[in-house]
Protein backbone atom coordinates (compact mmCIF):
# COMPACT_ATOMS: atom_id res chain seq x y z
CA UNK A 1 123.23 -134.53 -56.29
CA UNK A 2 124.45 -133.26 -53.71
CA UNK A 3 122.05 -130.32 -53.62
CA UNK A 4 119.01 -132.66 -54.00
CA UNK A 5 120.60 -134.91 -51.11
CA UNK A 6 120.43 -131.98 -49.27
CA UNK A 7 116.95 -130.67 -49.90
CA UNK A 8 115.77 -134.45 -48.80
CA UNK A 9 117.77 -134.33 -45.48
CA UNK A 10 115.83 -130.95 -44.69
CA UNK A 11 112.80 -131.76 -45.35
CA UNK A 12 112.95 -135.08 -43.48
CA UNK A 13 114.61 -133.43 -40.38
CA UNK A 14 111.98 -130.74 -40.71
CA UNK A 15 109.12 -133.06 -41.27
CA UNK A 16 110.48 -135.60 -37.99
CA UNK A 17 110.93 -132.32 -35.78
CA UNK A 18 107.09 -131.26 -36.51
CA UNK A 19 105.52 -134.67 -36.37
CA UNK A 20 107.85 -135.27 -32.61
CA UNK A 21 106.30 -131.80 -31.46
CA UNK A 22 102.74 -132.81 -32.56
CA UNK A 23 103.22 -136.15 -30.71
CA UNK A 24 104.68 -134.14 -27.86
CA UNK A 25 101.26 -132.63 -27.63
CA UNK A 26 98.93 -135.41 -27.85
CA UNK A 27 97.69 -136.59 -24.59
CA UNK A 28 99.63 -133.94 -22.18
CA UNK A 29 100.08 -134.35 -18.55
CA UNK A 30 99.40 -131.17 -16.72
CA UNK A 31 101.46 -131.90 -13.21
CA UNK A 32 99.70 -130.81 -10.52
CA UNK A 33 102.11 -127.72 -9.58
CA UNK A 34 101.28 -126.43 -13.06
CA UNK A 35 97.29 -126.86 -13.18
CA UNK A 36 95.31 -124.05 -15.01
CA UNK A 37 92.50 -125.31 -14.53
CA UNK A 38 89.90 -123.90 -11.98
CA UNK A 39 90.56 -125.76 -8.87
CA UNK A 40 87.01 -126.18 -8.00
CA UNK A 41 85.16 -127.18 -10.22
CA UNK A 42 82.73 -124.29 -11.63
CA UNK A 43 78.96 -124.04 -11.50
CA UNK A 44 77.99 -122.65 -14.75
CA UNK A 45 74.17 -123.21 -15.56
CA UNK A 46 73.95 -124.68 -19.54
CA UNK A 47 71.45 -126.36 -21.25
CA UNK A 48 71.36 -129.62 -22.34
CA UNK A 49 71.22 -130.92 -25.77
CA UNK A 50 67.12 -130.97 -24.78
CA UNK A 51 67.27 -127.67 -24.17
CA UNK A 52 66.70 -127.91 -20.42
CA UNK A 53 69.62 -126.15 -18.07
CA UNK A 54 71.11 -127.93 -15.37
CA UNK A 55 73.88 -126.52 -13.22
CA UNK A 56 77.10 -128.00 -13.33
CA UNK A 57 77.03 -128.81 -10.12
CA UNK A 58 73.92 -130.33 -9.91
CA UNK A 59 75.20 -133.01 -13.01
CA UNK A 60 78.53 -133.66 -11.29
CA UNK A 61 76.88 -134.57 -7.43
CA UNK A 62 79.03 -136.00 -5.19
CA UNK A 63 81.05 -138.24 -7.60
CA UNK A 64 84.24 -138.11 -9.34
CA UNK A 65 83.58 -136.15 -12.66
CA UNK A 66 85.24 -136.11 -15.78
CA UNK A 67 84.32 -132.61 -17.78
CA UNK A 68 85.39 -132.79 -21.41
CA UNK A 69 85.22 -129.72 -23.26
CA UNK A 70 85.42 -131.15 -27.09
CA UNK A 71 84.36 -129.98 -30.51
CA UNK A 72 82.26 -132.51 -33.18
CA UNK A 73 84.54 -131.50 -35.77
CA UNK A 74 88.18 -132.14 -34.36
CA UNK A 75 89.56 -135.79 -35.24
CA UNK A 76 91.28 -135.86 -31.79
CA UNK A 77 88.05 -135.09 -30.31
CA UNK A 78 86.57 -137.89 -32.29
CA UNK A 79 89.09 -139.81 -32.03
CA UNK A 80 89.11 -139.70 -28.07
CA UNK A 81 85.59 -139.67 -27.41
CA UNK A 82 85.10 -143.25 -29.86
CA UNK A 83 87.23 -144.93 -27.66
CA UNK A 84 86.13 -143.83 -24.22
CA UNK A 85 82.23 -144.54 -25.75
CA UNK A 86 83.76 -147.97 -26.61
CA UNK A 87 83.69 -148.26 -22.84
CA UNK A 88 81.75 -146.18 -21.23
CA UNK A 89 80.44 -149.25 -18.58
CA UNK A 90 83.97 -148.70 -16.87
CA UNK A 91 82.42 -145.15 -16.33
CA UNK A 92 79.27 -145.75 -15.12
CA UNK A 93 80.27 -144.65 -11.11
CA UNK A 94 81.38 -141.29 -12.11
CA UNK A 95 80.13 -138.35 -14.42
CA UNK A 96 80.63 -137.59 -17.50
CA UNK A 97 80.04 -133.81 -18.82
CA UNK A 98 80.90 -133.25 -22.58
CA UNK A 99 80.47 -129.86 -23.36
CA UNK A 100 80.50 -127.44 -26.64
CA UNK A 101 80.22 -124.36 -28.26
CA UNK A 102 78.73 -126.15 -31.21
CA UNK A 103 74.68 -126.00 -32.42
CA UNK A 104 72.32 -128.63 -30.65
CA UNK A 105 71.59 -130.51 -34.31
CA UNK A 106 75.52 -131.20 -34.49
CA UNK A 107 75.86 -132.43 -31.11
CA UNK A 108 73.28 -134.58 -30.78
CA UNK A 109 74.68 -136.33 -34.64
CA UNK A 110 77.49 -136.65 -32.79
CA UNK A 111 76.07 -138.15 -29.56
CA UNK A 112 73.72 -140.68 -31.36
CA UNK A 113 76.56 -141.73 -33.60
CA UNK A 114 78.68 -142.23 -29.98
CA UNK A 115 75.19 -144.19 -28.79
CA UNK A 116 76.11 -142.99 -25.38
CA UNK A 117 74.08 -140.04 -24.96
CA UNK A 118 71.03 -142.16 -22.81
CA UNK A 119 73.56 -143.39 -20.30
CA UNK A 120 72.33 -141.49 -17.19
CA UNK A 121 76.13 -140.49 -15.83
CA UNK A 122 76.63 -138.63 -19.44
CA UNK A 123 75.59 -135.19 -20.06
CA UNK A 124 76.41 -133.04 -23.46
CA UNK A 125 76.21 -129.55 -22.42
CA UNK A 126 75.68 -126.36 -24.79
CA UNK A 127 78.14 -123.90 -23.99
CA UNK A 128 76.28 -121.49 -26.50
CA UNK A 129 77.36 -118.13 -25.09
CA UNK A 130 81.34 -119.24 -24.64
CA UNK A 131 81.13 -118.28 -21.11
CA UNK A 132 82.93 -121.92 -19.95
CA UNK A 133 85.39 -122.17 -22.67
CA UNK A 134 86.53 -118.64 -21.45
CA UNK A 135 86.56 -119.08 -17.90
CA UNK A 136 88.65 -122.23 -18.54
CA UNK A 137 90.54 -120.38 -21.78
CA UNK A 138 90.30 -122.96 -23.80
CA UNK A 139 92.80 -123.50 -26.40
CA UNK A 140 92.66 -127.20 -27.52
CA UNK A 141 90.52 -129.91 -27.94
CA UNK A 142 89.81 -131.93 -26.38
CA UNK A 143 90.23 -130.44 -23.12
CA UNK A 144 89.87 -132.77 -19.82
CA UNK A 145 89.21 -132.19 -16.51
CA UNK A 146 88.92 -134.82 -13.49
CA UNK A 147 87.27 -133.35 -10.78
CA UNK A 148 86.90 -135.60 -7.49
CA UNK A 149 83.88 -136.04 -5.37
CA UNK A 150 84.49 -132.85 -3.85
CA UNK A 151 84.86 -130.91 -7.16
CA UNK A 152 88.77 -130.57 -6.49
CA UNK A 153 90.88 -130.50 -10.00
CA UNK A 154 92.95 -133.57 -9.82
CA UNK A 155 94.11 -133.72 -13.30
CA UNK A 156 94.14 -132.07 -16.66
CA UNK A 157 94.89 -133.35 -20.03
CA UNK A 158 95.12 -131.92 -23.23
CA UNK A 159 94.68 -133.95 -26.80
CA UNK A 160 94.46 -137.93 -26.47
CA UNK A 161 94.07 -139.29 -23.51
CA UNK A 162 94.31 -143.05 -22.40
CA UNK A 163 91.48 -144.05 -20.80
CA UNK A 164 93.03 -146.09 -18.49
CA UNK A 165 94.78 -142.49 -16.91
CA UNK A 166 90.88 -141.13 -16.83
CA UNK A 167 89.61 -143.97 -14.98
CA UNK A 168 92.65 -144.46 -12.63
CA UNK A 169 92.53 -140.50 -11.65
CA UNK A 170 88.51 -140.43 -11.24
CA UNK A 171 89.01 -143.86 -8.86
CA UNK A 172 91.65 -141.93 -7.07
CA UNK A 173 89.33 -138.84 -6.68
CA UNK A 174 85.98 -141.28 -4.91
């Protein structure tokens, strides 16, 4: 009986430690001194989901910009972008650039499901050659970057991030 209880205790402790490690990574905020993303929004030219090339700087214009690298098959990305889509009108004063390496057909289907692709401030771009992913050294999705109106990095996050925090950071970048 003692051996069974010991095994159960070990399994519970390992499971708890794994869960706490996972939870600690969701919505991780990187402090300003630790920011690893490019300090200035890079100016790659990528095709949108209609095949038209766009410069990231052209899309960001002179507004604070939320740049999200995602995968439509990632459950964390689905949750983050699903929550964002429910509050999409709160982002109308900013630009959202959503970038992925996935095939265009998958992204169109995903974008249609979110019901945000026709918003003039939302842009889905395809990183077909993984240039942006390599430049940012993307290791996990969603990777979220907030740039101010001068295209300077304000904050970066990995994982699910509170929408209110994103809006606060975007607002500070006006």
